[in-house]
Amino acid sequence: MAGIAEAHVIVSGRVQGVWFRGSTQRVAADAGVHGWVRNLPDRRVEAVLQGERTAVEGVIDFMRTGPPGSSVIDVVVSWRPAGERFHGFDIRY
Protein backbone atom coordinates (compact mmCIF):
# COMPACT_ATOMS: atom_id res chain seq x y z
CA MET A 1 0.00 0.00 0.00
CA ALA A 2 1.74 3.14 -1.22
CA GLY A 3 2.38 5.81 1.38
CA ILE A 4 1.59 3.54 4.31
CA ALA A 5 4.45 2.40 6.53
CA GLU A 6 4.11 -0.79 8.54
CA ALA A 7 6.24 -1.93 11.45
CA HIS A 8 6.14 -5.18 13.38
CA VAL A 9 7.35 -4.52 16.94
CA ILE A 10 8.35 -6.87 19.76
CA VAL A 11 8.99 -5.35 23.19
CA SER A 12 10.77 -7.19 26.00
CA GLY A 13 11.06 -6.35 29.68
CA ARG A 14 8.46 -5.60 32.32
CA VAL A 15 5.74 -4.84 29.80
CA GLN A 16 2.77 -6.89 30.98
CA GLY A 17 0.53 -5.90 33.87
CA VAL A 18 1.63 -2.25 33.64
CA TRP A 19 -0.99 -0.89 31.19
CA PHE A 20 1.46 -1.15 28.27
CA ARG A 21 -1.14 -2.25 25.71
CA GLY A 22 -3.69 0.35 26.74
CA SER A 23 -1.11 3.12 26.73
CA THR A 24 0.17 2.04 23.32
CA GLN A 25 -3.38 2.02 21.99
CA ARG A 26 -3.95 5.59 23.25
CA VAL A 27 -0.66 6.90 21.84
CA ALA A 28 -1.28 5.20 18.49
CA ALA A 29 -4.84 6.52 18.23
CA ASP A 30 -3.68 10.05 19.09
CA ALA A 31 -1.03 9.77 16.33
CA GLY A 32 -3.47 8.43 13.74
CA VAL A 33 -1.68 5.08 13.64
CA HIS A 34 -3.70 1.93 12.99
CA GLY A 35 -3.01 -1.69 13.88
CA TRP A 36 -3.01 -3.80 17.02
CA VAL A 37 -1.08 -4.74 20.16
CA ARG A 38 -1.15 -7.94 22.23
CA ASN A 39 0.60 -9.77 25.05
CA LEU A 40 2.63 -12.82 24.12
CA PRO A 41 2.79 -15.95 26.32
CA ASP A 42 6.52 -15.35 26.94
CA ARG A 43 5.75 -11.99 28.66
CA ARG A 44 6.71 -9.82 25.68
CA VAL A 45 4.36 -7.46 23.83
CA GLU A 46 3.84 -7.60 20.07
CA ALA A 47 2.38 -4.87 17.87
CA VAL A 48 1.75 -4.08 14.22
CA LEU A 49 1.66 -0.36 13.46
CA GLN A 50 0.47 1.25 10.21
CA GLY A 51 0.39 4.88 9.15
CA GLU A 52 2.62 7.71 8.06
CA ARG A 53 6.19 6.71 8.80
CA THR A 54 6.86 9.63 11.17
CA ALA A 55 3.68 8.81 13.13
CA VAL A 56 4.63 5.12 13.36
CA GLU A 57 8.13 6.10 14.50
CA GLY A 58 6.56 8.27 17.23
CA VAL A 59 4.60 5.30 18.58
CA ILE A 60 7.73 3.16 18.49
CA ASP A 61 9.57 5.88 20.44
CA PHE A 62 6.86 5.67 23.11
CA MET A 63 7.16 1.88 23.18
CA ARG A 64 10.91 2.17 23.84
CA THR A 65 10.06 3.70 27.23
CA GLY A 66 6.47 2.62 27.89
CA PRO A 67 4.11 3.86 30.58
CA PRO A 68 5.04 4.40 34.24
CA GLY A 69 5.71 1.06 35.91
CA SER A 70 7.14 -0.56 32.80
CA SER A 71 10.79 -1.35 32.25
CA VAL A 72 11.65 -1.88 28.61
CA ILE A 73 14.77 -3.97 27.98
CA ASP A 74 14.63 -4.41 24.21
CA VAL A 75 12.56 -3.32 21.21
CA VAL A 76 12.89 -5.15 17.90
CA VAL A 77 11.38 -3.33 14.92
CA SER A 78 10.91 -4.92 11.51
CA TRP A 79 9.76 -2.59 8.74
CA ARG A 80 7.81 -4.34 6.01
CA PRO A 81 5.44 -3.56 3.15
CA ALA A 82 1.94 -2.84 4.41
CA GLY A 83 -0.24 -5.90 4.23
CA GLU A 84 -3.79 -6.06 5.48
CA ARG A 85 -5.11 -2.53 6.00
CA PHE A 86 -6.20 -1.92 9.59
CA HIS A 87 -8.84 0.55 10.69
CA GLY A 88 -8.44 1.84 14.22
CA PHE A 89 -6.08 0.40 16.81
CA ASP A 90 -7.07 -2.72 18.72
CA ILE A 91 -5.89 -4.60 21.75
CA ARG A 92 -5.87 -8.25 20.78
CA TYR A 93 -6.27 -11.13 23.22
PDB file of N, CA and C in Angstrom:
ATOM      1  N   MET A   1       0.848  -1.170   0.000  1.00  0.00           N
ATOM      2  CA  MET A   1       0.000   0.000   0.000  1.00  0.00           C
ATOM      3  C   MET A   1       0.903   1.246   0.000  1.00  0.00           C
ATOM      4  N   ALA A   2       0.871   1.974  -1.060  1.00  0.00           N
ATOM      5  CA  ALA A   2       1.737   3.137  -1.216  1.00  0.00           C
ATOM      6  C   ALA A   2       1.444   4.184  -0.148  1.00  0.00           C
ATOM      7  N   GLY A   3       2.523   4.738   0.405  1.00  0.00           N
ATOM      8  CA  GLY A   3       2.378   5.805   1.383  1.00  0.00           C
ATOM      9  C   GLY A   3       2.121   5.343   2.798  1.00  0.00           C
ATOM     10  N   ILE A   4       1.853   4.069   2.977  1.00  0.00           N
ATOM     11  CA  ILE A   4       1.591   3.536   4.310  1.00  0.00           C
ATOM     12  C   ILE A   4       2.808   2.762   4.776  1.00  0.00           C
ATOM     13  N   ALA A   5       3.344   3.145   5.927  1.00  0.00           N
ATOM     14  CA  ALA A   5       4.451   2.404   6.533  1.00  0.00           C
ATOM     15  C   ALA A   5       3.875   1.380   7.496  1.00  0.00           C
ATOM     16  N   GLU A   6       4.540   0.238   7.592  1.00  0.00           N
ATOM     17  CA  GLU A   6       4.111  -0.789   8.539  1.00  0.00           C
ATOM     18  C   GLU A   6       5.319  -1.314   9.294  1.00  0.00           C
ATOM     19  N   ALA A   7       5.180  -1.399  10.594  1.00  0.00           N
ATOM     20  CA  ALA A   7       6.238  -1.931  11.446  1.00  0.00           C
ATOM     21  C   ALA A   7       5.673  -3.030  12.333  1.00  0.00           C
ATOM     22  N   HIS A   8       6.431  -4.105  12.436  1.00  0.00           N
ATOM     23  CA  HIS A   8       6.143  -5.177  13.384  1.00  0.00           C
ATOM     24  C   HIS A   8       7.099  -4.957  14.547  1.00  0.00           C
ATOM     25  N   VAL A   9       6.557  -4.893  15.767  1.00  0.00           N
ATOM     26  CA  VAL A   9       7.347  -4.516  16.937  1.00  0.00           C
ATOM     27  C   VAL A   9       7.207  -5.574  18.023  1.00  0.00           C
ATOM     28  N   ILE A  10       8.335  -5.972  18.608  1.00  0.00           N
ATOM     29  CA  ILE A  10       8.350  -6.873  19.760  1.00  0.00           C
ATOM     30  C   ILE A  10       9.080  -6.145  20.890  1.00  0.00           C
ATOM     31  N   VAL A  11       8.425  -6.062  22.039  1.00  0.00           N
ATOM     32  CA  VAL A  11       8.986  -5.347  23.188  1.00  0.00           C
ATOM     33  C   VAL A  11       9.200  -6.332  24.332  1.00  0.00           C
ATOM     34  N   SER A  12      10.416  -6.312  24.885  1.00  0.00           N
ATOM     35  CA  SER A  12      10.768  -7.189  26.000  1.00  0.00           C
ATOM     36  C   SER A  12      11.022  -6.359  27.251  1.00  0.00           C
ATOM     37  N   GLY A  13      10.833  -6.995  28.397  1.00  0.00           N
ATOM     38  CA  GLY A  13      11.059  -6.349  29.683  1.00  0.00           C
ATOM     39  C   GLY A  13       9.847  -6.516  30.562  1.00  0.00           C
ATOM     40  N   ARG A  14       9.668  -5.596  31.478  1.00  0.00           N
ATOM     41  CA  ARG A  14       8.463  -5.604  32.321  1.00  0.00           C
ATOM     42  C   ARG A  14       7.402  -4.806  31.573  1.00  0.00           C
ATOM     43  N   VAL A  15       6.684  -5.508  30.694  1.00  0.00           N
ATOM     44  CA  VAL A  15       5.742  -4.841  29.800  1.00  0.00           C
ATOM     45  C   VAL A  15       4.326  -5.434  29.861  1.00  0.00           C
ATOM     46  N   GLN A  16       4.120  -6.374  30.768  1.00  0.00           N
ATOM     47  CA  GLN A  16       2.773  -6.893  30.978  1.00  0.00           C
ATOM     48  C   GLN A  16       2.347  -6.566  32.404  1.00  0.00           C
ATOM     49  N   GLY A  17       1.057  -6.249  32.557  1.00  0.00           N
ATOM     50  CA  GLY A  17       0.534  -5.905  33.872  1.00  0.00           C
ATOM     51  C   GLY A  17       0.850  -4.482  34.292  1.00  0.00           C
ATOM     52  N   VAL A  18       1.266  -3.639  33.332  1.00  0.00           N
ATOM     53  CA  VAL A  18       1.626  -2.250  33.639  1.00  0.00           C
ATOM     54  C   VAL A  18       0.911  -1.269  32.702  1.00  0.00           C
ATOM     55  N   TRP A  19      -0.189  -1.728  32.082  1.00  0.00           N
ATOM     56  CA  TRP A  19      -0.991  -0.889  31.192  1.00  0.00           C
ATOM     57  C   TRP A  19      -0.249  -0.549  29.896  1.00  0.00           C
ATOM     58  N   PHE A  20       0.678  -1.407  29.480  1.00  0.00           N
ATOM     59  CA  PHE A  20       1.463  -1.152  28.270  1.00  0.00           C
ATOM     60  C   PHE A  20       0.585  -1.164  27.018  1.00  0.00           C
ATOM     61  N   ARG A  21      -0.275  -2.171  26.894  1.00  0.00           N
ATOM     62  CA  ARG A  21      -1.138  -2.254  25.706  1.00  0.00           C
ATOM     63  C   ARG A  21      -2.102  -1.079  25.631  1.00  0.00           C
ATOM     64  N   GLY A  22      -2.737  -0.762  26.737  1.00  0.00           N
ATOM     65  CA  GLY A  22      -3.691   0.349  26.744  1.00  0.00           C
ATOM     66  C   GLY A  22      -3.027   1.682  26.445  1.00  0.00           C
ATOM     67  N   SER A  23      -1.844   1.882  26.986  1.00  0.00           N
ATOM     68  CA  SER A  23      -1.108   3.116  26.729  1.00  0.00           C
ATOM     69  C   SER A  23      -0.661   3.192  25.273  1.00  0.00           C
ATOM     70  N   THR A  24      -0.221   2.069  24.723  1.00  0.00           N
ATOM     71  CA  THR A  24       0.174   2.039  23.320  1.00  0.00           C
ATOM     72  C   THR A  24      -1.024   2.334  22.426  1.00  0.00           C
ATOM     73  N   GLN A  25      -2.168   1.766  22.761  1.00  0.00           N
ATOM     74  CA  GLN A  25      -3.385   2.021  21.991  1.00  0.00           C
ATOM     75  C   GLN A  25      -3.729   3.513  22.002  1.00  0.00           C
ATOM     76  N   ARG A  26      -3.640   4.157  23.148  1.00  0.00           N
ATOM     77  CA  ARG A  26      -3.952   5.587  23.254  1.00  0.00           C
ATOM     78  C   ARG A  26      -2.984   6.423  22.434  1.00  0.00           C
ATOM     79  N   VAL A  27      -1.681   6.144  22.571  1.00  0.00           N
ATOM     80  CA  VAL A  27      -0.660   6.899  21.845  1.00  0.00           C
ATOM     81  C   VAL A  27      -0.838   6.711  20.335  1.00  0.00           C
ATOM     82  N   ALA A  28      -1.095   5.478  19.917  1.00  0.00           N
ATOM     83  CA  ALA A  28      -1.283   5.202  18.489  1.00  0.00           C
ATOM     84  C   ALA A  28      -2.517   5.929  17.957  1.00  0.00           C
ATOM     85  N   ALA A  29      -3.620   5.853  18.678  1.00  0.00           N
ATOM     86  CA  ALA A  29      -4.845   6.523  18.231  1.00  0.00           C
ATOM     87  C   ALA A  29      -4.635   8.030  18.137  1.00  0.00           C
ATOM     88  N   ASP A  30      -3.963   8.608  19.117  1.00  0.00           N
ATOM     89  CA  ASP A  30      -3.685  10.048  19.092  1.00  0.00           C
ATOM     90  C   ASP A  30      -2.814  10.433  17.899  1.00  0.00           C
ATOM     91  N   ALA A  31      -1.947   9.504  17.452  1.00  0.00           N
ATOM     92  CA  ALA A  31      -1.033   9.772  16.332  1.00  0.00           C
ATOM     93  C   ALA A  31      -1.645   9.413  14.980  1.00  0.00           C
ATOM     94  N   GLY A  32      -2.842   8.842  14.987  1.00  0.00           N
ATOM     95  CA  GLY A  32      -3.467   8.428  13.737  1.00  0.00           C
ATOM     96  C   GLY A  32      -2.881   7.149  13.175  1.00  0.00           C
ATOM     97  N   VAL A  33      -2.281   6.347  14.048  1.00  0.00           N
ATOM     98  CA  VAL A  33      -1.676   5.080  13.640  1.00  0.00           C
ATOM     99  C   VAL A  33      -2.689   3.958  13.874  1.00  0.00           C
ATOM    100  N   HIS A  34      -2.778   3.061  12.911  1.00  0.00           N
ATOM    101  CA  HIS A  34      -3.703   1.931  12.987  1.00  0.00           C
ATOM    102  C   HIS A  34      -2.922   0.649  13.238  1.00  0.00           C
ATOM    103  N   GLY A  35      -3.633  -0.393  13.672  1.00  0.00           N
ATOM    104  CA  GLY A  35      -3.005  -1.694  13.882  1.00  0.00           C
ATOM    105  C   GLY A  35      -3.511  -2.361  15.135  1.00  0.00           C
ATOM    106  N   TRP A  36      -2.614  -3.053  15.815  1.00  0.00           N
ATOM    107  CA  TRP A  36      -3.006  -3.796  17.021  1.00  0.00           C
ATOM    108  C   TRP A  36      -1.793  -4.028  17.918  1.00  0.00           C
ATOM    109  N   VAL A  37      -2.098  -4.403  19.163  1.00  0.00           N
ATOM    110  CA  VAL A  37      -1.083  -4.745  20.160  1.00  0.00           C
ATOM    111  C   VAL A  37      -1.615  -5.907  20.986  1.00  0.00           C
ATOM    112  N   ARG A  38      -0.722  -6.805  21.405  1.00  0.00           N
ATOM    113  CA  ARG A  38      -1.155  -7.936  22.228  1.00  0.00           C
ATOM    114  C   ARG A  38      -0.009  -8.417  23.106  1.00  0.00           C
ATOM    115  N   ASN A  39      -0.377  -9.094  24.201  1.00  0.00           N
ATOM    116  CA  ASN A  39       0.596  -9.773  25.046  1.00  0.00           C
ATOM    117  C   ASN A  39       0.948 -11.108  24.411  1.00  0.00           C
ATOM    118  N   LEU A  40       2.198 -11.497  24.555  1.00  0.00           N
ATOM    119  CA  LEU A  40       2.634 -12.822  24.122  1.00  0.00           C
ATOM    120  C   LEU A  40       2.799 -13.722  25.344  1.00  0.00           C
ATOM    121  N   PRO A  41       2.673 -15.032  25.174  1.00  0.00           N
ATOM    122  CA  PRO A  41       2.793 -15.947  26.319  1.00  0.00           C
ATOM    123  C   PRO A  41       4.141 -15.862  27.025  1.00  0.00           C
ATOM    124  N   ASP A  42       5.178 -15.424  26.329  1.00  0.00           N
ATOM    125  CA  ASP A  42       6.518 -15.351  26.940  1.00  0.00           C
ATOM    126  C   ASP A  42       6.774 -14.015  27.647  1.00  0.00           C
ATOM    127  N   ARG A  43       5.719 -13.254  27.899  1.00  0.00           N
ATOM    128  CA  ARG A  43       5.752 -11.989  28.663  1.00  0.00           C
ATOM    129  C   ARG A  43       6.206 -10.784  27.841  1.00  0.00           C
ATOM    130  N   ARG A  44       6.413 -10.956  26.548  1.00  0.00           N
ATOM    131  CA  ARG A  44       6.710  -9.817  25.681  1.00  0.00           C
ATOM    132  C   ARG A  44       5.409  -9.243  25.151  1.00  0.00           C
ATOM    133  N   VAL A  45       5.503  -8.091  24.494  1.00  0.00           N
ATOM    134  CA  VAL A  45       4.365  -7.461  23.833  1.00  0.00           C
ATOM    135  C   VAL A  45       4.693  -7.369  22.348  1.00  0.00           C
ATOM    136  N   GLU A  46       3.700  -7.664  21.520  1.00  0.00           N
ATOM    137  CA  GLU A  46       3.840  -7.600  20.070  1.00  0.00           C
ATOM    138  C   GLU A  46       2.856  -6.584  19.522  1.00  0.00           C
ATOM    139  N   ALA A  47       3.271  -5.837  18.499  1.00  0.00           N
ATOM    140  CA  ALA A  47       2.379  -4.872  17.868  1.00  0.00           C
ATOM    141  C   ALA A  47       2.656  -4.801  16.376  1.00  0.00           C
ATOM    142  N   VAL A  48       1.622  -4.456  15.630  1.00  0.00           N
ATOM    143  CA  VAL A  48       1.752  -4.079  14.223  1.00  0.00           C
ATOM    144  C   VAL A  48       1.199  -2.670  14.117  1.00  0.00           C
ATOM    145  N   LEU A  49       2.011  -1.770  13.566  1.00  0.00           N
ATOM    146  CA  LEU A  49       1.662  -0.356  13.463  1.00  0.00           C
ATOM    147  C   LEU A  49       1.638   0.047  12.000  1.00  0.00           C
ATOM    148  N   GLN A  50       0.587   0.762  11.584  1.00  0.00           N
ATOM    149  CA  GLN A  50       0.472   1.247  10.210  1.00  0.00           C
ATOM    150  C   GLN A  50       0.114   2.719  10.212  1.00  0.00           C
ATOM    151  N   GLY A  51       0.722   3.463   9.302  1.00  0.00           N
ATOM    152  CA  GLY A  51       0.393   4.876   9.146  1.00  0.00           C
ATOM    153  C   GLY A  51       1.532   5.610   8.474  1.00  0.00           C
ATOM    154  N   GLU A  52       1.504   6.926   8.568  1.00  0.00           N
ATOM    155  CA  GLU A  52       2.615   7.710   8.055  1.00  0.00           C
ATOM    156  C   GLU A  52       3.864   7.322   8.844  1.00  0.00           C
ATOM    157  N   ARG A  53       4.981   7.216   8.151  1.00  0.00           N
ATOM    158  CA  ARG A  53       6.193   6.711   8.802  1.00  0.00           C
ATOM    159  C   ARG A  53       6.558   7.517  10.047  1.00  0.00           C
ATOM    160  N   THR A  54       6.481   8.831  10.001  1.00  0.00           N
ATOM    161  CA  THR A  54       6.856   9.626  11.175  1.00  0.00           C
ATOM    162  C   THR A  54       5.912   9.356  12.344  1.00  0.00           C
ATOM    163  N   ALA A  55       4.638   9.120  12.061  1.00  0.00           N
ATOM    164  CA  ALA A  55       3.684   8.807  13.127  1.00  0.00           C
ATOM    165  C   ALA A  55       3.988   7.439  13.729  1.00  0.00           C
ATOM    166  N   VAL A  56       4.282   6.457  12.879  1.00  0.00           N
ATOM    167  CA  VAL A  56       4.630   5.122  13.357  1.00  0.00           C
ATOM    168  C   VAL A  56       5.905   5.195  14.200  1.00  0.00           C
ATOM    169  N   GLU A  57       6.888   5.948  13.743  1.00  0.00           N
ATOM    170  CA  GLU A  57       8.131   6.100  14.505  1.00  0.00           C
ATOM    171  C   GLU A  57       7.866   6.729  15.873  1.00  0.00           C
ATOM    172  N   GLY A  58       6.916   7.659  15.944  1.00  0.00           N
ATOM    173  CA  GLY A  58       6.561   8.272  17.226  1.00  0.00           C
ATOM    174  C   GLY A  58       5.988   7.262  18.205  1.00  0.00           C
ATOM    175  N   VAL A  59       5.154   6.348  17.712  1.00  0.00           N
ATOM    176  CA  VAL A  59       4.599   5.304  18.582  1.00  0.00           C
ATOM    177  C   VAL A  59       5.713   4.363  19.029  1.00  0.00           C
ATOM    178  N   ILE A  60       6.604   4.018  18.118  1.00  0.00           N
ATOM    179  CA  ILE A  60       7.734   3.159  18.490  1.00  0.00           C
ATOM    180  C   ILE A  60       8.589   3.844  19.546  1.00  0.00           C
ATOM    181  N   ASP A  61       8.819   5.144  19.418  1.00  0.00           N
ATOM    182  CA  ASP A  61       9.574   5.884  20.436  1.00  0.00           C
ATOM    183  C   ASP A  61       8.910   5.752  21.802  1.00  0.00           C
ATOM    184  N   PHE A  62       7.573   5.862  21.839  1.00  0.00           N
ATOM    185  CA  PHE A  62       6.857   5.673  23.107  1.00  0.00           C
ATOM    186  C   PHE A  62       7.086   4.259  23.640  1.00  0.00           C
ATOM    187  N   MET A  63       7.022   3.273  22.759  1.00  0.00           N
ATOM    188  CA  MET A  63       7.159   1.880  23.181  1.00  0.00           C
ATOM    189  C   MET A  63       8.565   1.582  23.716  1.00  0.00           C
ATOM    190  N   ARG A  64       9.542   2.365  23.336  1.00  0.00           N
ATOM    191  CA  ARG A  64      10.911   2.171  23.838  1.00  0.00           C
ATOM    192  C   ARG A  64      11.016   2.522  25.327  1.00  0.00           C
ATOM    193  N   THR A  65      10.087   3.315  25.814  1.00  0.00           N
ATOM    194  CA  THR A  65      10.061   3.699  27.231  1.00  0.00           C
ATOM    195  C   THR A  65       8.868   3.081  27.944  1.00  0.00           C
ATOM    196  N   GLY A  66       7.695   3.168  27.313  1.00  0.00           N
ATOM    197  CA  GLY A  66       6.475   2.620  27.889  1.00  0.00           C
ATOM    198  C   GLY A  66       5.897   3.514  28.962  1.00  0.00           C
ATOM    199  N   PRO A  67       4.781   3.082  29.541  1.00  0.00           N
ATOM    200  CA  PRO A  67       4.115   3.863  30.582  1.00  0.00           C
ATOM    201  C   PRO A  67       4.839   3.726  31.922  1.00  0.00           C
ATOM    202  N   PRO A  68       4.462   4.561  32.895  1.00  0.00           N
ATOM    203  CA  PRO A  68       5.038   4.403  34.239  1.00  0.00           C
ATOM    204  C   PRO A  68       4.809   2.969  34.739  1.00  0.00           C
ATOM    205  N   GLY A  69       5.809   2.424  35.390  1.00  0.00           N
ATOM    206  CA  GLY A  69       5.715   1.060  35.914  1.00  0.00           C
ATOM    207  C   GLY A  69       6.317   0.024  34.989  1.00  0.00           C
ATOM    208  N   SER A  70       6.512   0.387  33.725  1.00  0.00           N
ATOM    209  CA  SER A  70       7.139  -0.558  32.805  1.00  0.00           C
ATOM    210  C   SER A  70       8.649  -0.389  32.845  1.00  0.00           C
ATOM    211  N   SER A  71       9.332  -1.391  32.369  1.00  0.00           N
ATOM    212  CA  SER A  71      10.788  -1.355  32.254  1.00  0.00           C
ATOM    213  C   SER A  71      11.170  -2.083  30.970  1.00  0.00           C
ATOM    214  N   VAL A  72      11.369  -1.309  29.920  1.00  0.00           N
ATOM    215  CA  VAL A  72      11.655  -1.878  28.610  1.00  0.00           C
ATOM    216  C   VAL A  72      13.131  -2.243  28.530  1.00  0.00           C
ATOM    217  N   ILE A  73      13.397  -3.488  28.137  1.00  0.00           N
ATOM    218  CA  ILE A  73      14.770  -3.967  27.980  1.00  0.00           C
ATOM    219  C   ILE A  73      15.184  -3.934  26.516  1.00  0.00           C
ATOM    220  N   ASP A  74      14.274  -4.326  25.620  1.00  0.00           N
ATOM    221  CA  ASP A  74      14.626  -4.405  24.206  1.00  0.00           C
ATOM    222  C   ASP A  74      13.395  -4.166  23.351  1.00  0.00           C
ATOM    223  N   VAL A  75      13.615  -3.526  22.198  1.00  0.00           N
ATOM    224  CA  VAL A  75      12.563  -3.317  21.208  1.00  0.00           C
ATOM    225  C   VAL A  75      13.131  -3.735  19.856  1.00  0.00           C
ATOM    226  N   VAL A  76      12.474  -4.686  19.222  1.00  0.00           N
ATOM    227  CA  VAL A  76      12.887  -5.148  17.899  1.00  0.00           C
ATOM    228  C   VAL A  76      11.831  -4.671  16.907  1.00  0.00           C
ATOM    229  N   VAL A  77      12.286  -3.895  15.924  1.00  0.00           N
ATOM    230  CA  VAL A  77      11.381  -3.331  14.923  1.00  0.00           C
ATOM    231  C   VAL A  77      11.740  -3.908  13.563  1.00  0.00           C
ATOM    232  N   SER A  78      10.734  -4.417  12.879  1.00  0.00           N
ATOM    233  CA  SER A  78      10.907  -4.920  11.512  1.00  0.00           C
ATOM    234  C   SER A  78       9.968  -4.115  10.604  1.00  0.00           C
ATOM    235  N   TRP A  79      10.551  -3.327   9.716  1.00  0.00           N
ATOM    236  CA  TRP A  79       9.759  -2.586   8.737  1.00  0.00           C
ATOM    237  C   TRP A  79       9.438  -3.530   7.585  1.00  0.00           C
ATOM    238  N   ARG A  80       8.221  -3.457   7.092  1.00  0.00           N
ATOM    239  CA  ARG A  80       7.812  -4.340   6.012  1.00  0.00           C
ATOM    240  C   ARG A  80       6.744  -3.643   5.162  1.00  0.00           C
ATOM    241  N   PRO A  81       6.512  -4.141   3.966  1.00  0.00           N
ATOM    242  CA  PRO A  81       5.443  -3.564   3.146  1.00  0.00           C
ATOM    243  C   PRO A  81       4.103  -3.753   3.850  1.00  0.00           C
ATOM    244  N   ALA A  82       3.259  -2.750   3.763  1.00  0.00           N
ATOM    245  CA  ALA A  82       1.943  -2.841   4.410  1.00  0.00           C
ATOM    246  C   ALA A  82       1.143  -3.971   3.800  1.00  0.00           C
ATOM    247  N   GLY A  83       0.598  -4.794   4.665  1.00  0.00           N
ATOM    248  CA  GLY A  83      -0.241  -5.902   4.228  1.00  0.00           C
ATOM    249  C   GLY A  83      -1.697  -5.529   4.397  1.00  0.00           C
ATOM    250  N   GLU A  84      -2.382  -6.327   5.178  1.00  0.00           N
ATOM    251  CA  GLU A  84      -3.789  -6.058   5.479  1.00  0.00           C
ATOM    252  C   GLU A  84      -3.932  -4.645   6.028  1.00  0.00           C
ATOM    253  N   ARG A  85      -4.903  -3.907   5.538  1.00  0.00           N
ATOM    254  CA  ARG A  85      -5.115  -2.529   6.001  1.00  0.00           C
ATOM    255  C   ARG A  85      -5.980  -2.559   7.263  1.00  0.00           C
ATOM    256  N   PHE A  86      -5.473  -1.966   8.329  1.00  0.00           N
ATOM    257  CA  PHE A  86      -6.196  -1.916   9.592  1.00  0.00           C
ATOM    258  C   PHE A  86      -6.949  -0.595   9.709  1.00  0.00           C
ATOM    259  N   HIS A  87      -8.054  -0.647  10.410  1.00  0.00           N
ATOM    260  CA  HIS A  87      -8.845   0.549  10.694  1.00  0.00           C
ATOM    261  C   HIS A  87      -8.992   0.647  12.202  1.00  0.00           C
ATOM    262  N   GLY A  88      -8.457   1.706  12.774  1.00  0.00           N
ATOM    263  CA  GLY A  88      -8.444   1.837  14.221  1.00  0.00           C
ATOM    264  C   GLY A  88      -7.249   1.114  14.801  1.00  0.00           C
ATOM    265  N   PHE A  89      -7.185   1.074  16.127  1.00  0.00           N
ATOM    266  CA  PHE A  89      -6.084   0.399  16.812  1.00  0.00           C
ATOM    267  C   PHE A  89      -6.664  -0.455  17.918  1.00  0.00           C
ATOM    268  N   ASP A  90      -6.446  -1.760  17.814  1.00  0.00           N
ATOM    269  CA  ASP A  90      -7.071  -2.724  18.717  1.00  0.00           C
ATOM    270  C   ASP A  90      -6.089  -3.345  19.698  1.00  0.00           C
ATOM    271  N   ILE A  91      -6.613  -3.724  20.835  1.00  0.00           N
ATOM    272  CA  ILE A  91      -5.892  -4.604  21.748  1.00  0.00           C
ATOM    273  C   ILE A  91      -6.404  -6.004  21.459  1.00  0.00           C
ATOM    274  N   ARG A  92      -5.484  -6.873  21.099  1.00  0.00           N
ATOM    275  CA  ARG A  92      -5.870  -8.255  20.782  1.00  0.00           C
ATOM    276  C   ARG A  92      -5.584  -9.142  21.994  1.00  0.00           C
ATOM    277  N   TYR A  93      -6.396 -10.185  22.099  1.00  0.00           N
ATOM    278  CA  TYR A  93      -6.271 -11.129  23.216  1.00  0.00           C
ATOM    279  C   TYR A  93      -6.015 -12.521  22.700  1.00  0.00           C
TER     280      TYR A  93
END
